[in-house]
Amino acid sequence: MRQGKGSFVTVVSDIEGSKLIEMIYSHRQQDIVEVLMRQPLKVREQVEEVSVDMWGGFPSRYRTSISQC
């Protein structure tokens, strides 16, 4: 991972199962939604919670691809 302004990684994980699902090397909405939409619908339907950074753009990104969050 890189550190510094403008170098972000979005981490998608199964907290209960302690599994890394995806690392998205971006905070751009389009990039995040595209990667999340590649997950099978069955997987996306099982999402119960989303924990996000305090940055204001995150909640809308997850609602776009995982509607029950």
N, C-alpha and C. Protein backbone atom coordinates (compact mmCIF):
# COMPACT_ATOMS: atom_id res chain seq x y z
N MET A 1 0.84 -1.18 0.00
CA MET A 1 0.00 0.00 0.00
C MET A 1 0.88 1.24 0.00
N ARG A 2 0.37 2.24 -0.63
CA ARG A 2 1.07 3.52 -0.65
C ARG A 2 0.45 4.44 0.38
N GLN A 3 1.24 5.35 0.88
CA GLN A 3 0.72 6.33 1.82
C GLN A 3 0.85 7.71 1.21
N GLY A 4 -0.01 8.60 1.65
CA GLY A 4 0.10 9.97 1.20
C GLY A 4 -1.19 10.45 0.57
N LYS A 5 -1.25 11.73 0.40
CA LYS A 5 -2.44 12.36 -0.16
C LYS A 5 -2.72 11.83 -1.56
N GLY A 6 -3.97 11.37 -1.77
CA GLY A 6 -4.38 10.90 -3.08
C GLY A 6 -4.09 9.44 -3.35
N SER A 7 -3.48 8.74 -2.43
CA SER A 7 -3.16 7.32 -2.61
C SER A 7 -4.02 6.51 -1.64
N PHE A 8 -5.15 6.02 -2.12
CA PHE A 8 -6.10 5.34 -1.25
C PHE A 8 -6.35 3.91 -1.69
N VAL A 9 -6.68 3.07 -0.72
CA VAL A 9 -7.08 1.70 -0.98
C VAL A 9 -8.39 1.47 -0.24
N THR A 10 -9.38 0.94 -0.94
CA THR A 10 -10.64 0.55 -0.33
C THR A 10 -10.56 -0.94 -0.07
N VAL A 11 -10.74 -1.34 1.18
CA VAL A 11 -10.64 -2.74 1.58
C VAL A 11 -12.05 -3.28 1.83
N VAL A 12 -12.38 -4.39 1.18
CA VAL A 12 -13.67 -5.05 1.36
C VAL A 12 -13.37 -6.39 2.01
N SER A 13 -13.98 -6.61 3.19
CA SER A 13 -13.67 -7.85 3.90
C SER A 13 -14.90 -8.42 4.58
N ASP A 14 -14.79 -9.70 4.90
CA ASP A 14 -15.78 -10.39 5.70
C ASP A 14 -15.25 -10.35 7.12
N ILE A 15 -15.81 -9.46 7.93
CA ILE A 15 -15.30 -9.27 9.29
C ILE A 15 -15.50 -10.52 10.13
N GLU A 16 -16.68 -11.11 10.07
CA GLU A 16 -16.95 -12.31 10.89
C GLU A 16 -16.07 -13.48 10.49
N GLY A 17 -15.86 -13.65 9.19
CA GLY A 17 -15.05 -14.77 8.71
C GLY A 17 -13.58 -14.45 8.58
N SER A 18 -13.20 -13.21 8.91
CA SER A 18 -11.80 -12.77 8.82
C SER A 18 -11.19 -13.03 7.46
N LYS A 19 -11.95 -12.67 6.39
CA LYS A 19 -11.48 -12.91 5.03
C LYS A 19 -11.42 -11.60 4.25
N LEU A 20 -10.33 -11.43 3.52
CA LEU A 20 -10.21 -10.32 2.60
C LEU A 20 -10.99 -10.68 1.34
N ILE A 21 -11.91 -9.83 0.92
CA ILE A 21 -12.69 -10.10 -0.27
C ILE A 21 -12.11 -9.36 -1.46
N GLU A 22 -11.73 -8.11 -1.25
CA GLU A 22 -11.27 -7.29 -2.37
C GLU A 22 -10.46 -6.12 -1.86
N MET A 23 -9.45 -5.72 -2.63
CA MET A 23 -8.74 -4.47 -2.40
C MET A 23 -8.92 -3.64 -3.66
N ILE A 24 -9.48 -2.46 -3.49
CA ILE A 24 -9.74 -1.58 -4.62
C ILE A 24 -8.81 -0.39 -4.48
N TYR A 25 -7.92 -0.21 -5.43
CA TYR A 25 -6.90 0.84 -5.34
C TYR A 25 -7.45 2.17 -5.82
N SER A 26 -8.54 2.59 -5.17
CA SER A 26 -9.20 3.83 -5.56
C SER A 26 -10.24 4.21 -4.52
N HIS A 27 -10.63 5.46 -4.51
CA HIS A 27 -11.77 5.95 -3.74
C HIS A 27 -12.80 6.54 -4.69
N ARG A 28 -12.57 6.40 -5.98
CA ARG A 28 -13.51 6.95 -6.97
C ARG A 28 -14.78 6.10 -6.99
N GLN A 29 -15.93 6.77 -6.97
CA GLN A 29 -17.21 6.08 -6.93
C GLN A 29 -17.34 5.07 -8.06
N GLN A 30 -17.03 5.46 -9.28
CA GLN A 30 -17.18 4.57 -10.42
C GLN A 30 -16.34 3.31 -10.25
N ASP A 31 -15.10 3.45 -9.79
CA ASP A 31 -14.21 2.30 -9.60
C ASP A 31 -14.76 1.35 -8.54
N ILE A 32 -15.21 1.91 -7.42
CA ILE A 32 -15.72 1.08 -6.33
C ILE A 32 -16.98 0.34 -6.74
N VAL A 33 -17.91 1.04 -7.36
CA VAL A 33 -19.16 0.41 -7.78
C VAL A 33 -18.89 -0.68 -8.80
N GLU A 34 -18.01 -0.44 -9.76
CA GLU A 34 -17.70 -1.45 -10.78
C GLU A 34 -17.16 -2.73 -10.14
N VAL A 35 -16.25 -2.58 -9.19
CA VAL A 35 -15.67 -3.76 -8.54
C VAL A 35 -16.72 -4.48 -7.69
N LEU A 36 -17.49 -3.73 -6.91
CA LEU A 36 -18.51 -4.36 -6.08
C LEU A 36 -19.57 -5.06 -6.92
N MET A 37 -19.91 -4.51 -8.05
CA MET A 37 -20.93 -5.11 -8.91
C MET A 37 -20.44 -6.40 -9.55
N ARG A 38 -19.13 -6.63 -9.56
CA ARG A 38 -18.59 -7.89 -10.09
C ARG A 38 -18.84 -9.04 -9.12
N GLN A 39 -19.09 -8.72 -7.86
CA GLN A 39 -19.42 -9.77 -6.90
C GLN A 39 -20.79 -10.34 -7.27
N PRO A 40 -20.97 -11.63 -7.19
CA PRO A 40 -22.27 -12.23 -7.54
C PRO A 40 -23.38 -11.64 -6.68
N LEU A 41 -24.57 -11.53 -7.24
CA LEU A 41 -25.72 -10.99 -6.53
C LEU A 41 -25.93 -11.74 -5.21
N LYS A 42 -25.74 -13.04 -5.25
CA LYS A 42 -25.90 -13.86 -4.03
C LYS A 42 -24.98 -13.37 -2.91
N VAL A 43 -23.77 -13.00 -3.25
CA VAL A 43 -22.81 -12.49 -2.27
C VAL A 43 -23.26 -11.12 -1.78
N ARG A 44 -23.63 -10.23 -2.70
CA ARG A 44 -24.06 -8.87 -2.32
C ARG A 44 -25.32 -8.90 -1.46
N GLU A 45 -26.20 -9.85 -1.67
CA GLU A 45 -27.43 -9.94 -0.89
C GLU A 45 -27.17 -10.38 0.55
N GLN A 46 -26.02 -10.97 0.80
CA GLN A 46 -25.69 -11.44 2.15
C GLN A 46 -25.05 -10.37 3.03
N VAL A 47 -24.75 -9.22 2.45
CA VAL A 47 -24.13 -8.14 3.22
C VAL A 47 -25.14 -7.62 4.24
N GLU A 48 -24.70 -7.55 5.48
CA GLU A 48 -25.56 -7.07 6.56
C GLU A 48 -25.14 -5.69 7.06
N GLU A 49 -23.86 -5.41 7.03
CA GLU A 49 -23.34 -4.14 7.54
C GLU A 49 -22.21 -3.66 6.66
N VAL A 50 -22.03 -2.34 6.67
CA VAL A 50 -20.90 -1.74 5.98
C VAL A 50 -20.28 -0.74 6.96
N SER A 51 -19.00 -0.87 7.18
CA SER A 51 -18.26 0.06 8.02
C SER A 51 -17.40 0.91 7.09
N VAL A 52 -17.53 2.22 7.20
CA VAL A 52 -16.85 3.10 6.25
C VAL A 52 -16.04 4.17 6.95
N ASP A 53 -15.11 4.71 6.21
CA ASP A 53 -14.33 5.86 6.61
C ASP A 53 -15.30 7.03 6.80
N MET A 54 -14.91 8.02 7.55
CA MET A 54 -15.77 9.17 7.80
C MET A 54 -15.90 10.08 6.58
N TRP A 55 -15.16 9.81 5.52
CA TRP A 55 -15.23 10.62 4.32
C TRP A 55 -16.65 10.58 3.77
N GLY A 56 -17.21 11.71 3.43
CA GLY A 56 -18.62 11.84 3.09
C GLY A 56 -19.11 11.08 1.88
N GLY A 57 -18.26 10.71 0.96
CA GLY A 57 -18.72 10.05 -0.25
C GLY A 57 -19.00 8.56 -0.13
N PHE A 58 -18.55 7.93 0.93
CA PHE A 58 -18.67 6.48 1.02
C PHE A 58 -20.09 5.92 1.08
N PRO A 59 -20.97 6.42 1.91
CA PRO A 59 -22.30 5.78 2.01
C PRO A 59 -23.02 5.63 0.67
N SER A 60 -22.97 6.62 -0.19
CA SER A 60 -23.66 6.51 -1.48
C SER A 60 -23.05 5.45 -2.36
N ARG A 61 -21.75 5.21 -2.25
CA ARG A 61 -21.08 4.19 -3.07
C ARG A 61 -21.63 2.80 -2.74
N TYR A 62 -21.83 2.54 -1.46
CA TYR A 62 -22.30 1.22 -1.07
C TYR A 62 -23.79 1.04 -1.33
N ARG A 63 -24.56 2.08 -1.17
CA ARG A 63 -25.99 1.98 -1.46
C ARG A 63 -26.24 1.70 -2.94
N THR A 64 -25.33 2.17 -3.79
CA THR A 64 -25.48 1.94 -5.24
C THR A 64 -25.34 0.47 -5.59
N SER A 65 -24.43 -0.24 -4.92
CA SER A 65 -24.15 -1.62 -5.30
C SER A 65 -24.68 -2.67 -4.31
N ILE A 66 -24.95 -2.24 -3.08
CA ILE A 66 -25.45 -3.16 -2.05
C ILE A 66 -26.63 -2.46 -1.39
N SER A 67 -27.79 -2.62 -1.95
CA SER A 67 -28.96 -1.81 -1.58
C SER A 67 -29.45 -2.00 -0.15
N GLN A 68 -29.25 -3.16 0.45
CA GLN A 68 -29.80 -3.40 1.79
C GLN A 68 -28.96 -2.76 2.89
N CYS A 69 -27.83 -2.15 2.55
CA CYS A 69 -26.97 -1.52 3.56
C CYS A 69 -27.50 -0.17 3.95
